[in-house]
């Protein structure tokens, strides 16, 4: 367990980290964190090959559980939801949802029983600025419960950089309206 955090101490209080090893995994998995609050237990599952693991549940000392959902099997690590279960005999309540397109990009996110949600339109399918001219622009439309927002990106040092936005504010989105440009040296205008 070299290079794994074992203990953190602050103000005379300690957190102790425990790991589990698995013969087919190169990295140990976090199994528990113990502190003044009790012990949090982390539960994982392996993929069919046994070469990858994902977190499926966190058990709190008071009996609550966070349950992690992966409902798109073509993307083993693509988290599609989080539920909270207050007690083992109570049903879990879904708090978050995510969904992914065929390329594995999250295009839908919702929380709070669907009251806050966004959907990203990834058309056109341009994904890399490497083969584009400096005048090229990439636009993404984001739909939310509040309305439509438009985001424009320009190539800068072989990356897409946000240069403008307009529309209504949406949860987790950059501010709207905004506009800025990048010089070749990386300075903002």
C-alpha atoms as a PDB file:
ATOM      1  CA  UNK A   1       0.000   0.000   0.000  1.00  0.00           C
ATOM      2  CA  UNK A   2       2.846   2.346  -0.761  1.00  0.00           C
ATOM      3  CA  UNK A   3       1.767   5.846  -1.812  1.00  0.00           C
ATOM      4  CA  UNK A   4      -1.685   5.487  -0.206  1.00  0.00           C
ATOM      5  CA  UNK A   5      -2.806   7.910   2.509  1.00  0.00           C
ATOM      6  CA  UNK A   6      -2.904   6.019   5.802  1.00  0.00           C
ATOM      7  CA  UNK A   7      -3.740   8.722   8.377  1.00  0.00           C
ATOM      8  CA  UNK A   8      -4.582  12.421   8.450  1.00  0.00           C
ATOM      9  CA  UNK A   9      -4.283  14.304  11.728  1.00  0.00           C
ATOM     10  CA  UNK A  10      -5.607  17.788  12.426  1.00  0.00           C
ATOM     11  CA  UNK A  11      -6.366  19.463  15.758  1.00  0.00           C
ATOM     12  CA  UNK A  12      -5.646  16.205  17.582  1.00  0.00           C
ATOM     13  CA  UNK A  13      -8.288  14.339  15.549  1.00  0.00           C
ATOM     14  CA  UNK A  14      -7.429  11.486  13.201  1.00  0.00           C
ATOM     15  CA  UNK A  15      -8.810  10.003  10.019  1.00  0.00           C
ATOM     16  CA  UNK A  16      -7.624   6.462   9.299  1.00  0.00           C
ATOM     17  CA  UNK A  17      -7.843   5.069   5.759  1.00  0.00           C
ATOM     18  CA  UNK A  18      -8.151   1.352   5.001  1.00  0.00           C
ATOM     19  CA  UNK A  19      -7.717  -0.221   1.574  1.00  0.00           C
ATOM     20  CA  UNK A  20      -8.512  -3.536  -0.062  1.00  0.00           C
ATOM     21  CA  UNK A  21      -6.326  -5.128  -2.659  1.00  0.00           C
ATOM     22  CA  UNK A  22      -7.592  -7.351  -5.418  1.00  0.00           C
ATOM     23  CA  UNK A  23      -5.349  -9.723  -7.397  1.00  0.00           C
ATOM     24  CA  UNK A  24      -6.465  -8.385 -10.793  1.00  0.00           C
ATOM     25  CA  UNK A  25      -6.315  -4.647  -9.938  1.00  0.00           C
ATOM     26  CA  UNK A  26      -3.120  -2.607  -9.964  1.00  0.00           C
ATOM     27  CA  UNK A  27      -4.394  -0.059  -7.430  1.00  0.00           C
ATOM     28  CA  UNK A  28      -5.852  -0.767  -3.977  1.00  0.00           C
ATOM     29  CA  UNK A  29      -9.468   0.290  -3.426  1.00  0.00           C
ATOM     30  CA  UNK A  30     -10.530   2.525  -0.552  1.00  0.00           C
ATOM     31  CA  UNK A  31     -12.469   0.313   1.870  1.00  0.00           C
ATOM     32  CA  UNK A  32     -13.072   2.518   4.935  1.00  0.00           C
ATOM     33  CA  UNK A  33     -12.387   5.870   6.566  1.00  0.00           C
ATOM     34  CA  UNK A  34     -12.554   5.934  10.347  1.00  0.00           C
ATOM     35  CA  UNK A  35     -12.682   9.143  12.367  1.00  0.00           C
ATOM     36  CA  UNK A  36     -14.438  10.788  15.305  1.00  0.00           C
ATOM     37  CA  UNK A  37     -17.744  10.356  13.425  1.00  0.00           C
ATOM     38  CA  UNK A  38     -17.363   6.578  13.126  1.00  0.00           C
ATOM     39  CA  UNK A  39     -16.522   4.558  10.019  1.00  0.00           C
ATOM     40  CA  UNK A  40     -17.575   5.121   6.414  1.00  0.00           C
ATOM     41  CA  UNK A  41     -17.474   1.925   4.340  1.00  0.00           C
ATOM     42  CA  UNK A  42     -16.889   1.978   0.570  1.00  0.00           C
ATOM     43  CA  UNK A  43     -18.193  -0.871  -1.607  1.00  0.00           C
ATOM     44  CA  UNK A  44     -16.979  -1.493  -5.162  1.00  0.00           C
ATOM     45  CA  UNK A  45     -17.719  -3.896  -7.985  1.00  0.00           C
ATOM     46  CA  UNK A  46     -15.407  -5.155 -10.714  1.00  0.00           C
ATOM     47  CA  UNK A  47     -16.066  -5.262 -14.430  1.00  0.00           C
ATOM     48  CA  UNK A  48     -16.346  -8.639 -16.189  1.00  0.00           C
ATOM     49  CA  UNK A  49     -12.601  -8.764 -16.860  1.00  0.00           C
ATOM     50  CA  UNK A  50     -11.728  -7.910 -13.260  1.00  0.00           C
ATOM     51  CA  UNK A  51      -9.439  -5.128 -14.497  1.00  0.00           C
ATOM     52  CA  UNK A  52     -11.562  -2.120 -13.454  1.00  0.00           C
ATOM     53  CA  UNK A  53     -13.630  -1.238 -10.406  1.00  0.00           C
ATOM     54  CA  UNK A  54     -16.324   1.312  -9.684  1.00  0.00           C
ATOM     55  CA  UNK A  55     -17.843   2.633  -6.472  1.00  0.00           C
ATOM     56  CA  UNK A  56     -21.373   1.325  -5.925  1.00  0.00           C
ATOM     57  CA  UNK A  57     -22.199   2.271  -2.333  1.00  0.00           C
ATOM     58  CA  UNK A  58     -21.007   4.271   0.679  1.00  0.00           C
ATOM     59  CA  UNK A  59     -22.327   3.173   4.085  1.00  0.00           C
ATOM     60  CA  UNK A  60     -22.428   5.858   6.819  1.00  0.00           C
ATOM     61  CA  UNK A  61     -22.120   5.124  10.563  1.00  0.00           C
ATOM     62  CA  UNK A  62     -25.774   6.151  11.143  1.00  0.00           C
ATOM     63  CA  UNK A  63     -27.042   3.593   8.605  1.00  0.00           C
ATOM     64  CA  UNK A  64     -27.532   5.939   5.646  1.00  0.00           C
ATOM     65  CA  UNK A  65     -26.281   4.790   2.259  1.00  0.00           C
ATOM     66  CA  UNK A  66     -25.281   6.608  -0.901  1.00  0.00           C
ATOM     67  CA  UNK A  67     -25.952   4.321  -3.862  1.00  0.00           C
ATOM     68  CA  UNK A  68     -24.242   4.910  -7.215  1.00  0.00           C
ATOM     69  CA  UNK A  69     -26.010   3.838 -10.436  1.00  0.00           C
ATOM     70  CA  UNK A  70     -24.396   2.803 -13.738  1.00  0.00           C
ATOM     71  CA  UNK A  71     -27.271   2.125 -16.115  1.00  0.00           C
ATOM     72  CA  UNK A  72     -25.444   2.377 -19.445  1.00  0.00           C
ATOM     73  CA  UNK A  73     -23.424  -0.848 -19.594  1.00  0.00           C
ATOM     74  CA  UNK A  74     -21.440   0.238 -22.658  1.00  0.00           C
ATOM     75  CA  UNK A  75     -19.724   2.819 -20.390  1.00  0.00           C
ATOM     76  CA  UNK A  76     -18.612   0.942 -17.273  1.00  0.00           C
ATOM     77  CA  UNK A  77     -17.532   4.057 -15.334  1.00  0.00           C
ATOM     78  CA  UNK A  78     -20.315   6.387 -16.546  1.00  0.00           C
ATOM     79  CA  UNK A  79     -22.225   7.365 -13.414  1.00  0.00           C
ATOM     80  CA  UNK A  80     -25.925   7.672 -14.284  1.00  0.00           C
ATOM     81  CA  UNK A  81     -27.338   8.460 -10.866  1.00  0.00           C
ATOM     82  CA  UNK A  82     -26.951   8.816  -7.119  1.00  0.00           C
ATOM     83  CA  UNK A  83     -29.576   7.765  -4.583  1.00  0.00           C
ATOM     84  CA  UNK A  84     -29.753   8.285  -0.838  1.00  0.00           C
ATOM     85  CA  UNK A  85     -31.198   5.608   1.414  1.00  0.00           C
ATOM     86  CA  UNK A  86     -31.881   6.907   4.935  1.00  0.00           C
ATOM     87  CA  UNK A  87     -32.216   3.436   6.503  1.00  0.00           C
ATOM     88  CA  UNK A  88     -31.836  -0.114   5.226  1.00  0.00           C
ATOM     89  CA  UNK A  89     -35.592  -0.765   5.482  1.00  0.00           C
ATOM     90  CA  UNK A  90     -36.524   2.412   3.566  1.00  0.00           C
ATOM     91  CA  UNK A  91     -36.498   2.812  -0.226  1.00  0.00           C
ATOM     92  CA  UNK A  92     -33.664   4.809  -1.758  1.00  0.00           C
ATOM     93  CA  UNK A  93     -34.483   8.279  -3.121  1.00  0.00           C
ATOM     94  CA  UNK A  94     -32.891   9.226  -6.424  1.00  0.00           C
ATOM     95  CA  UNK A  95     -31.144  12.620  -6.154  1.00  0.00           C
ATOM     96  CA  UNK A  96     -29.167  12.923  -9.404  1.00  0.00           C
ATOM     97  CA  UNK A  97     -29.406  11.629 -12.975  1.00  0.00           C
ATOM     98  CA  UNK A  98     -26.925  11.694 -15.878  1.00  0.00           C
ATOM     99  CA  UNK A  99     -27.198  10.207 -19.359  1.00  0.00           C
ATOM    100  CA  UNK A 100     -24.534   9.782 -22.055  1.00  0.00           C
ATOM    101  CA  UNK A 101     -24.533   9.814 -25.847  1.00  0.00           C
ATOM    102  CA  UNK A 102     -22.968   7.130 -28.067  1.00  0.00           C
ATOM    103  CA  UNK A 103     -19.557   8.797 -27.676  1.00  0.00           C
ATOM    104  CA  UNK A 104     -19.728   8.675 -23.875  1.00  0.00           C
ATOM    105  CA  UNK A 105     -20.348  12.412 -23.382  1.00  0.00           C
ATOM    106  CA  UNK A 106     -22.793  13.415 -20.663  1.00  0.00           C
ATOM    107  CA  UNK A 107     -25.610  15.252 -22.440  1.00  0.00           C
ATOM    108  CA  UNK A 108     -28.328  15.208 -19.765  1.00  0.00           C
ATOM    109  CA  UNK A 109     -28.215  15.962 -16.051  1.00  0.00           C
ATOM    110  CA  UNK A 110     -31.049  16.382 -13.573  1.00  0.00           C
ATOM    111  CA  UNK A 111     -31.507  16.714  -9.833  1.00  0.00           C
ATOM    112  CA  UNK A 112     -34.116  17.620  -7.280  1.00  0.00           C
ATOM    113  CA  UNK A 113     -36.825  15.442  -8.827  1.00  0.00           C
ATOM    114  CA  UNK A 114     -36.284  16.980 -12.231  1.00  0.00           C
ATOM    115  CA  UNK A 115     -36.779  20.575 -11.115  1.00  0.00           C
ATOM    116  CA  UNK A 116     -33.206  21.390 -12.146  1.00  0.00           C
ATOM    117  CA  UNK A 117     -32.015  19.832 -15.396  1.00  0.00           C
ATOM    118  CA  UNK A 118     -29.878  20.595 -18.423  1.00  0.00           C
ATOM    119  CA  UNK A 119     -29.468  18.963 -21.828  1.00  0.00           C
ATOM    120  CA  UNK A 120     -26.515  19.712 -24.081  1.00  0.00           C
ATOM    121  CA  UNK A 121     -26.876  19.560 -27.864  1.00  0.00           C
ATOM    122  CA  UNK A 122     -23.513  18.314 -29.192  1.00  0.00           C
ATOM    123  CA  UNK A 123     -24.283  18.969 -32.866  1.00  0.00           C
ATOM    124  CA  UNK A 124     -22.208  19.556 -34.901  1.00  0.00           C
ATOM    125  CA  UNK A 125     -19.971  16.682 -33.849  1.00  0.00           C
ATOM    126  CA  UNK A 126     -16.724  18.707 -33.975  1.00  0.00           C
ATOM    127  CA  UNK A 127     -14.582  17.491 -31.119  1.00  0.00           C
ATOM    128  CA  UNK A 128     -11.071  18.777 -31.782  1.00  0.00           C
ATOM    129  CA  UNK A 129      -9.808  22.259 -32.644  1.00  0.00           C
ATOM    130  CA  UNK A 130      -6.516  20.914 -34.118  1.00  0.00           C
ATOM    131  CA  UNK A 131      -7.725  20.884 -37.723  1.00  0.00           C
ATOM    132  CA  UNK A 132      -9.714  24.100 -37.656  1.00  0.00           C
ATOM    133  CA  UNK A 133      -8.852  27.597 -38.736  1.00  0.00           C
ATOM    134  CA  UNK A 134      -8.434  30.398 -36.223  1.00  0.00           C
ATOM    135  CA  UNK A 135     -11.744  31.831 -37.484  1.00  0.00           C
ATOM    136  CA  UNK A 136     -13.608  28.607 -36.667  1.00  0.00           C
ATOM    137  CA  UNK A 137     -16.328  28.663 -34.044  1.00  0.00           C
ATOM    138  CA  UNK A 138     -18.047  25.835 -32.224  1.00  0.00           C
ATOM    139  CA  UNK A 139     -21.479  26.389 -30.704  1.00  0.00           C
ATOM    140  CA  UNK A 140     -23.321  24.345 -28.121  1.00  0.00           C
ATOM    141  CA  UNK A 141     -26.939  24.769 -27.153  1.00  0.00           C
ATOM    142  CA  UNK A 142     -27.879  24.034 -23.555  1.00  0.00           C
ATOM    143  CA  UNK A 143     -31.536  23.518 -22.734  1.00  0.00           C
ATOM    144  CA  UNK A 144     -32.671  23.767 -19.126  1.00  0.00           C
ATOM    145  CA  UNK A 145     -35.816  24.266 -17.078  1.00  0.00           C
ATOM    146  CA  UNK A 146     -35.035  27.991 -17.275  1.00  0.00           C
ATOM    147  CA  UNK A 147     -34.791  28.095 -21.098  1.00  0.00           C
ATOM    148  CA  UNK A 148     -32.120  28.063 -23.819  1.00  0.00           C
ATOM    149  CA  UNK A 149     -28.487  29.163 -23.485  1.00  0.00           C
ATOM    150  CA  UNK A 150     -25.958  29.353 -26.324  1.00  0.00           C
ATOM    151  CA  UNK A 151     -22.216  28.925 -25.804  1.00  0.00           C
ATOM    152  CA  UNK A 152     -19.579  29.694 -28.433  1.00  0.00           C
ATOM    153  CA  UNK A 153     -16.033  28.345 -28.420  1.00  0.00           C
ATOM    154  CA  UNK A 154     -12.936  29.274 -30.441  1.00  0.00           C
ATOM    155  CA  UNK A 155      -9.744  27.278 -30.973  1.00  0.00           C
ATOM    156  CA  UNK A 156      -6.837  28.433 -28.800  1.00  0.00           C
ATOM    157  CA  UNK A 157      -3.568  26.484 -28.461  1.00  0.00           C
ATOM    158  CA  UNK A 158      -5.247  23.278 -29.730  1.00  0.00           C
ATOM    159  CA  UNK A 159      -8.111  23.536 -27.223  1.00  0.00           C
ATOM    160  CA  UNK A 160     -11.631  24.914 -27.397  1.00  0.00           C
ATOM    161  CA  UNK A 161     -12.018  28.008 -25.215  1.00  0.00           C
ATOM    162  CA  UNK A 162     -15.328  29.608 -24.265  1.00  0.00           C
ATOM    163  CA  UNK A 163     -15.553  33.004 -25.983  1.00  0.00           C
ATOM    164  CA  UNK A 164     -19.215  33.989 -25.722  1.00  0.00           C
ATOM    165  CA  UNK A 165     -22.473  33.035 -24.098  1.00  0.00           C
ATOM    166  CA  UNK A 166     -26.023  34.286 -24.307  1.00  0.00           C
ATOM    167  CA  UNK A 167     -29.472  33.274 -23.153  1.00  0.00           C
ATOM    168  CA  UNK A 168     -30.762  32.454 -19.709  1.00  0.00           C
ATOM    169  CA  UNK A 169     -28.617  31.357 -16.759  1.00  0.00           C
ATOM    170  CA  UNK A 170     -28.688  27.607 -16.142  1.00  0.00           C
ATOM    171  CA  UNK A 171     -27.426  25.505 -13.207  1.00  0.00           C
ATOM    172  CA  UNK A 172     -23.733  24.670 -13.552  1.00  0.00           C
ATOM    173  CA  UNK A 173     -23.285  26.770 -16.702  1.00  0.00           C
ATOM    174  CA  UNK A 174     -20.860  29.637 -17.261  1.00  0.00           C
ATOM    175  CA  UNK A 175     -22.301  33.138 -16.751  1.00  0.00           C
ATOM    176  CA  UNK A 176     -24.514  34.643 -19.441  1.00  0.00           C
ATOM    177  CA  UNK A 177     -24.198  36.977 -21.210  1.00  0.00           C
ATOM    178  CA  UNK A 178     -20.432  37.161 -21.672  1.00  0.00           C
ATOM    179  CA  UNK A 179     -17.939  37.755 -24.469  1.00  0.00           C
ATOM    180  CA  UNK A 180     -14.156  37.636 -24.564  1.00  0.00           C
ATOM    181  CA  UNK A 181     -11.416  36.720 -26.988  1.00  0.00           C
ATOM    182  CA  UNK A 182      -7.965  35.207 -26.608  1.00  0.00           C
ATOM    183  CA  UNK A 183      -4.868  36.642 -28.239  1.00  0.00           C
ATOM    184  CA  UNK A 184      -2.260  34.282 -29.598  1.00  0.00           C
ATOM    185  CA  UNK A 185      -0.198  34.881 -26.418  1.00  0.00           C
ATOM    186  CA  UNK A 186      -3.112  33.641 -24.291  1.00  0.00           C
ATOM    187  CA  UNK A 187      -4.170  37.039 -22.943  1.00  0.00           C
ATOM    188  CA  UNK A 188      -7.855  37.854 -22.597  1.00  0.00           C
ATOM    189  CA  UNK A 189      -9.263  40.806 -24.514  1.00  0.00           C
END
